[in-house]
Structure formats: structure tokens, C-alpha cells
Amino acid sequence: MSGVIDIDGACAEWTFPAEPDAVRSARHAVRDTLRDWGLDHGVSDVTVLLVSELVTNSLRYASGPIGVRLVCREPDENSPALRVEVSDPLPDPPVARTAAPDDETGRGLQLVAGTARRWGTKRGSTGKTVWFELPLAG
């Protein structure tokens, strides 16, 4: 039996209230799920960091529930990926800005853009979703 887990198509999703502990709860849920999927080495730390940044943005600007969704997908045989989506009821897309060296905020989207293979936003019927993809090792 091989140590490789077939997780193509695996999906997990949660909804967190827009409360201060949402970020911590999202981090724990994502980390635990990635461990269960056998992905705790490789993409776990960066996924948890980026989820923390996006949930923090949602918490800062939106007043409703925050959704987090993980999907393992294989768009083609050479590039399996983990797609992560963070949704909130605010329809406005996030605005990337350049943070000054002493700024304590403003780096979340820079981290996503600099780390993810692909990322973007999409508008939904009741808000928006910010998504990113991280490559998965073979």
C-alpha cells in the first residue's frame, strides 16, 4: 500500500460568524483538515497563513458570516492544486495596497498574490469570494 492518499475532489467547508475568534477557528479547521488529508507537510503552513489573512480582511470589513472552503482538484495531470475560497457578504472586491514598512495592516493580498499559483475574486449573489490555488506535490 502506498503512502499517497487520493484526495482529488476532496472538499471541506465551514461558516464562521463575524466575531473575533473566527480567524483562530478557521486556522484550526483548515490545519486539522489538511492533516486529515495528508497535506500537513508542504502546503499546510502557507494555507493557514493565507486563510488567516483573508478571514481577517472579511472580519474587518464585512458584518456577516464568513465562509471558508477547501477543494483538492486536479485541473490537469501535471498540476494538482488546493483551491481555497473565503467568502463574505460584502460585494465589494478587496483592494490591494502597498503597505509601508511600519504599517501593521495591508499585506494580506500581497501575501496571497506573492504565494499562490493563481488567485482572484468572484462576485456571488450575496457577496464575494476571494480564492487562491496552491500547487500540490505529485
C-alpha atoms as a PDB file:
ATOM      1  CA  MET A   1       0.000   0.000   0.000  1.00  0.00           C
ATOM      2  CA  SER A   2       1.367   3.387  -0.992  1.00  0.00           C
ATOM      3  CA  GLY A   3       1.619   6.369   1.326  1.00  0.00           C
ATOM      4  CA  VAL A   4      -0.159   8.566  -1.221  1.00  0.00           C
ATOM      5  CA  ILE A   5      -3.724   9.498  -0.382  1.00  0.00           C
ATOM      6  CA  ASP A   6      -6.119  10.000  -3.300  1.00  0.00           C
ATOM      7  CA  ILE A   7      -7.775  13.276  -2.347  1.00  0.00           C
ATOM      8  CA  ASP A   8      -8.741  14.595  -5.782  1.00  0.00           C
ATOM      9  CA  GLY A   9     -12.187  16.077  -5.333  1.00  0.00           C
ATOM     10  CA  ALA A  10     -11.990  16.203  -1.538  1.00  0.00           C
ATOM     11  CA  CYS A  11     -13.888  19.197  -0.194  1.00  0.00           C
ATOM     12  CA  ALA A  12     -14.425  20.775   3.207  1.00  0.00           C
ATOM     13  CA  GLU A  13     -16.297  23.933   4.087  1.00  0.00           C
ATOM     14  CA  TRP A  14     -17.249  25.938   7.129  1.00  0.00           C
ATOM     15  CA  THR A  15     -19.155  29.074   8.030  1.00  0.00           C
ATOM     16  CA  PHE A  16     -17.864  31.262  10.843  1.00  0.00           C
ATOM     17  CA  PRO A  17     -19.717  34.131  12.495  1.00  0.00           C
ATOM     18  CA  ALA A  18     -18.120  37.552  12.016  1.00  0.00           C
ATOM     19  CA  GLU A  19     -16.651  37.510  15.516  1.00  0.00           C
ATOM     20  CA  PRO A  20     -13.066  37.959  16.751  1.00  0.00           C
ATOM     21  CA  ASP A  21     -12.414  34.224  17.207  1.00  0.00           C
ATOM     22  CA  ALA A  22     -13.327  33.474  13.559  1.00  0.00           C
ATOM     23  CA  VAL A  23      -9.702  33.725  12.460  1.00  0.00           C
ATOM     24  CA  ARG A  24      -8.477  31.263  15.078  1.00  0.00           C
ATOM     25  CA  SER A  25     -11.367  28.876  14.400  1.00  0.00           C
ATOM     26  CA  ALA A  26     -10.682  28.987  10.655  1.00  0.00           C
ATOM     27  CA  ARG A  27      -6.967  28.307  11.192  1.00  0.00           C
ATOM     28  CA  HIS A  28      -7.699  25.258  13.348  1.00  0.00           C
ATOM     29  CA  ALA A  29     -10.327  23.878  10.954  1.00  0.00           C
ATOM     30  CA  VAL A  30      -8.039  24.259   7.927  1.00  0.00           C
ATOM     31  CA  ARG A  31      -4.971  22.828   9.678  1.00  0.00           C
ATOM     32  CA  ASP A  32      -6.929  19.816  11.008  1.00  0.00           C
ATOM     33  CA  THR A  33      -8.460  19.101   7.596  1.00  0.00           C
ATOM     34  CA  LEU A  34      -5.142  19.322   5.765  1.00  0.00           C
ATOM     35  CA  ARG A  35      -3.648  16.941   8.328  1.00  0.00           C
ATOM     36  CA  ASP A  36      -6.547  14.521   7.798  1.00  0.00           C
ATOM     37  CA  TRP A  37      -5.952  14.716   4.051  1.00  0.00           C
ATOM     38  CA  GLY A  38      -2.230  14.011   4.499  1.00  0.00           C
ATOM     39  CA  LEU A  39      -1.265  17.515   3.385  1.00  0.00           C
ATOM     40  CA  ASP A  40       0.174  18.709   6.679  1.00  0.00           C
ATOM     41  CA  HIS A  41       3.667  18.794   5.162  1.00  0.00           C
ATOM     42  CA  GLY A  42       4.087  21.139   2.274  1.00  0.00           C
ATOM     43  CA  VAL A  43       1.068  23.405   1.913  1.00  0.00           C
ATOM     44  CA  SER A  44      -0.378  23.474   5.417  1.00  0.00           C
ATOM     45  CA  ASP A  45       1.530  26.401   6.923  1.00  0.00           C
ATOM     46  CA  VAL A  46       1.138  28.677   3.912  1.00  0.00           C
ATOM     47  CA  THR A  47      -2.543  27.742   3.523  1.00  0.00           C
ATOM     48  CA  VAL A  48      -3.240  28.533   7.168  1.00  0.00           C
ATOM     49  CA  LEU A  49      -1.391  31.861   6.870  1.00  0.00           C
ATOM     50  CA  LEU A  50      -3.304  32.925   3.755  1.00  0.00           C
ATOM     51  CA  VAL A  51      -6.655  31.817   5.202  1.00  0.00           C
ATOM     52  CA  SER A  52      -5.855  33.860   8.325  1.00  0.00           C
ATOM     53  CA  GLU A  53      -5.191  36.940   6.208  1.00  0.00           C
ATOM     54  CA  LEU A  54      -8.356  36.605   4.132  1.00  0.00           C
ATOM     55  CA  VAL A  55     -10.616  35.812   7.090  1.00  0.00           C
ATOM     56  CA  THR A  56      -9.124  38.814   8.904  1.00  0.00           C
ATOM     57  CA  ASN A  57      -9.988  41.004   5.898  1.00  0.00           C
ATOM     58  CA  SER A  58     -13.544  39.663   5.873  1.00  0.00           C
ATOM     59  CA  LEU A  59     -13.855  40.192   9.600  1.00  0.00           C
ATOM     60  CA  ARG A  60     -12.545  43.747   9.326  1.00  0.00           C
ATOM     61  CA  TYR A  61     -14.855  44.861   6.507  1.00  0.00           C
ATOM     62  CA  ALA A  62     -17.929  42.597   6.447  1.00  0.00           C
ATOM     63  CA  SER A  63     -20.572  42.166   9.106  1.00  0.00           C
ATOM     64  CA  GLY A  64     -21.999  38.784   8.163  1.00  0.00           C
ATOM     65  CA  PRO A  65     -20.900  35.172   8.151  1.00  0.00           C
ATOM     66  CA  ILE A  66     -17.540  34.191   6.672  1.00  0.00           C
ATOM     67  CA  GLY A  67     -17.287  31.044   4.586  1.00  0.00           C
ATOM     68  CA  VAL A  68     -14.117  29.016   4.086  1.00  0.00           C
ATOM     69  CA  ARG A  69     -13.899  26.202   1.553  1.00  0.00           C
ATOM     70  CA  LEU A  70     -11.047  23.848   0.618  1.00  0.00           C
ATOM     71  CA  VAL A  71     -11.101  21.777  -2.563  1.00  0.00           C
ATOM     72  CA  CYS A  72      -8.414  19.431  -3.831  1.00  0.00           C
ATOM     73  CA  ARG A  73      -8.519  19.451  -7.571  1.00  0.00           C
ATOM     74  CA  GLU A  74      -6.512  18.246 -10.464  1.00  0.00           C
ATOM     75  CA  PRO A  75      -7.087  20.612 -13.392  1.00  0.00           C
ATOM     76  CA  ASP A  76      -4.704  18.543 -15.474  1.00  0.00           C
ATOM     77  CA  GLU A  77      -2.489  15.604 -14.693  1.00  0.00           C
ATOM     78  CA  ASN A  78       0.596  17.767 -14.223  1.00  0.00           C
ATOM     79  CA  SER A  79      -0.752  20.304 -11.776  1.00  0.00           C
ATOM     80  CA  PRO A  80      -2.803  19.086  -8.823  1.00  0.00           C
ATOM     81  CA  ALA A  81      -3.864  22.014  -6.673  1.00  0.00           C
ATOM     82  CA  LEU A  82      -5.509  23.002  -3.439  1.00  0.00           C
ATOM     83  CA  ARG A  83      -8.136  25.666  -4.058  1.00  0.00           C
ATOM     84  CA  VAL A  84      -9.114  27.793  -1.073  1.00  0.00           C
ATOM     85  CA  GLU A  85     -12.090  30.133  -1.053  1.00  0.00           C
ATOM     86  CA  VAL A  86     -13.036  32.725   1.572  1.00  0.00           C
ATOM     87  CA  SER A  87     -16.475  34.301   1.174  1.00  0.00           C
ATOM     88  CA  ASP A  88     -18.308  37.100   2.901  1.00  0.00           C
ATOM     89  CA  PRO A  89     -21.490  39.112   2.281  1.00  0.00           C
ATOM     90  CA  LEU A  90     -19.683  42.318   1.247  1.00  0.00           C
ATOM     91  CA  PRO A  91     -19.998  42.613  -2.561  1.00  0.00           C
ATOM     92  CA  ASP A  92     -17.009  44.928  -3.000  1.00  0.00           C
ATOM     93  CA  PRO A  93     -13.804  43.192  -4.100  1.00  0.00           C
ATOM     94  CA  PRO A  94     -10.782  43.648  -1.864  1.00  0.00           C
ATOM     95  CA  VAL A  95      -8.366  46.405  -2.797  1.00  0.00           C
ATOM     96  CA  ALA A  96      -4.672  45.583  -2.745  1.00  0.00           C
ATOM     97  CA  ARG A  97      -2.465  48.331  -1.420  1.00  0.00           C
ATOM     98  CA  THR A  98       1.196  48.774  -0.777  1.00  0.00           C
ATOM     99  CA  ALA A  99       1.925  48.749   2.931  1.00  0.00           C
ATOM    100  CA  ALA A 100       4.669  50.976   4.285  1.00  0.00           C
ATOM    101  CA  PRO A 101       7.382  49.228   6.320  1.00  0.00           C
ATOM    102  CA  ASP A 102       5.844  50.373   9.621  1.00  0.00           C
ATOM    103  CA  ASP A 103       2.212  49.598   8.700  1.00  0.00           C
ATOM    104  CA  GLU A 104       0.586  46.897  10.782  1.00  0.00           C
ATOM    105  CA  THR A 105      -2.016  46.105   8.112  1.00  0.00           C
ATOM    106  CA  GLY A 106      -2.305  45.974   4.347  1.00  0.00           C
ATOM    107  CA  ARG A 107      -0.195  42.957   3.453  1.00  0.00           C
ATOM    108  CA  GLY A 108      -2.811  40.209   3.166  1.00  0.00           C
ATOM    109  CA  LEU A 109      -3.453  40.425  -0.566  1.00  0.00           C
ATOM    110  CA  GLN A 110       0.258  40.951  -1.210  1.00  0.00           C
ATOM    111  CA  LEU A 111       0.919  37.656   0.576  1.00  0.00           C
ATOM    112  CA  VAL A 112      -1.778  35.902  -1.425  1.00  0.00           C
ATOM    113  CA  ALA A 113      -0.540  37.319  -4.747  1.00  0.00           C
ATOM    114  CA  GLY A 114       3.095  36.529  -3.971  1.00  0.00           C
ATOM    115  CA  THR A 115       2.481  32.996  -2.730  1.00  0.00           C
ATOM    116  CA  ALA A 116      -0.432  31.494  -4.646  1.00  0.00           C
ATOM    117  CA  ARG A 117      -0.100  29.955  -8.087  1.00  0.00           C
ATOM    118  CA  ARG A 118      -3.296  31.754  -9.063  1.00  0.00           C
ATOM    119  CA  TRP A 119      -5.800  33.899  -7.199  1.00  0.00           C
ATOM    120  CA  GLY A 120      -8.771  36.120  -7.825  1.00  0.00           C
ATOM    121  CA  THR A 121     -12.185  37.252  -6.735  1.00  0.00           C
ATOM    122  CA  LYS A 122     -15.665  36.403  -7.904  1.00  0.00           C
ATOM    123  CA  ARG A 123     -18.949  38.045  -7.160  1.00  0.00           C
ATOM    124  CA  GLY A 124     -21.802  35.954  -5.847  1.00  0.00           C
ATOM    125  CA  SER A 125     -25.492  36.572  -5.393  1.00  0.00           C
ATOM    126  CA  THR A 126     -24.935  37.589  -1.768  1.00  0.00           C
ATOM    127  CA  GLY A 127     -21.357  38.827  -1.610  1.00  0.00           C
ATOM    128  CA  LYS A 128     -17.953  37.888  -2.917  1.00  0.00           C
ATOM    129  CA  THR A 129     -15.382  35.135  -2.757  1.00  0.00           C
ATOM    130  CA  VAL A 130     -11.625  35.582  -2.736  1.00  0.00           C
ATOM    131  CA  TRP A 131      -9.900  32.402  -3.891  1.00  0.00           C
ATOM    132  CA  PHE A 132      -6.375  31.136  -4.378  1.00  0.00           C
ATOM    133  CA  GLU A 133      -4.700  27.962  -5.556  1.00  0.00           C
ATOM    134  CA  LEU A 134      -1.556  26.356  -4.224  1.00  0.00           C
ATOM    135  CA  PRO A 135       0.231  23.596  -6.110  1.00  0.00           C
ATOM    136  CA  LEU A 136       0.293  20.150  -4.531  1.00  0.00           C
ATOM    137  CA  ALA A 137       3.347  17.947  -4.856  1.00  0.00           C
ATOM    138  CA  GLY A 138       2.766  14.928  -7.089  1.00  0.00           C
END
